[in-house]
């Protein structure tokens, strides 16, 4: 895989993970309900999702900036 392709992949990954992290954070702060079929997903799942996707975003940014 070329350097440019790897850089593009890392940037796209960072942006996507960053957007998902922001959505999780907004849901957790505002207490938005999230229902899948008969199940309601707890707010704590968004806090966990925020941490995980935030770390993945930062990881991609760190790798991209070190190349």
Protein backbone atom coordinates (compact mmCIF):
# COMPACT_ATOMS: atom_id res chain seq x y z
CA UNK A 1 0.00 0.00 0.00
CA UNK A 2 1.43 3.41 -0.93
CA UNK A 3 2.14 6.18 1.54
CA UNK A 4 -0.57 8.42 0.06
CA UNK A 5 -3.16 5.65 0.27
CA UNK A 6 -2.27 4.95 3.89
CA UNK A 7 -2.45 8.66 4.75
CA UNK A 8 -5.87 8.97 3.09
CA UNK A 9 -7.13 5.90 4.96
CA UNK A 10 -5.94 7.27 8.30
CA UNK A 11 -7.49 10.69 7.70
CA UNK A 12 -10.83 9.24 6.63
CA UNK A 13 -10.80 6.88 9.63
CA UNK A 14 -10.01 9.73 12.02
CA UNK A 15 -12.83 11.88 10.63
CA UNK A 16 -15.40 9.07 10.80
CA UNK A 17 -14.41 8.02 14.32
CA UNK A 18 -14.39 11.67 15.39
CA UNK A 19 -17.91 12.25 14.08
CA UNK A 20 -19.21 9.12 15.77
CA UNK A 21 -17.53 10.18 19.03
CA UNK A 22 -19.22 13.60 18.82
CA UNK A 23 -22.62 11.97 18.23
CA UNK A 24 -22.11 9.67 21.24
CA UNK A 25 -21.10 12.63 23.40
CA UNK A 26 -24.11 14.70 22.27
CA UNK A 27 -26.46 11.83 23.05
CA UNK A 28 -24.92 11.27 26.47
CA UNK A 29 -25.02 14.95 27.44
CA UNK A 30 -28.54 15.60 26.13
CA UNK A 31 -30.02 12.28 27.29
CA UNK A 32 -31.46 11.43 23.88
CA UNK A 33 -33.34 8.15 23.80
CA UNK A 34 -32.15 5.44 21.43
CA UNK A 35 -34.54 2.56 20.85
CA UNK A 36 -33.79 -0.53 18.76
CA UNK A 37 -36.91 -2.62 18.39
CA UNK A 38 -38.21 -3.33 21.89
CA UNK A 39 -34.89 -2.46 23.59
CA UNK A 40 -33.84 0.97 24.85
CA UNK A 41 -30.08 1.48 24.75
CA UNK A 42 -28.83 3.02 28.03
CA UNK A 43 -27.00 6.36 28.10
CA UNK A 44 -23.97 4.62 29.62
CA UNK A 45 -23.47 2.87 26.28
CA UNK A 46 -22.90 6.27 24.68
CA UNK A 47 -20.28 7.21 27.27
CA UNK A 48 -18.46 3.96 26.52
CA UNK A 49 -18.91 4.51 22.78
CA UNK A 50 -17.55 8.05 23.13
CA UNK A 51 -14.39 6.85 24.86
CA UNK A 52 -13.76 4.01 22.40
CA UNK A 53 -14.37 6.02 19.23
CA UNK A 54 -12.50 9.01 20.66
CA UNK A 55 -9.44 6.86 21.33
CA UNK A 56 -9.62 5.37 17.82
CA UNK A 57 -9.86 8.87 16.34
CA UNK A 58 -6.85 10.11 18.30
CA UNK A 59 -4.91 6.97 17.43
CA UNK A 60 -5.50 7.49 13.70
CA UNK A 61 -4.53 11.18 13.98
CA UNK A 62 -1.36 10.30 15.87
CA UNK A 63 -0.29 7.70 13.31
CA UNK A 64 -1.12 10.00 10.39
CA UNK A 65 0.86 12.88 11.87
CA UNK A 66 3.92 10.71 12.56
CA UNK A 67 4.27 9.61 8.92
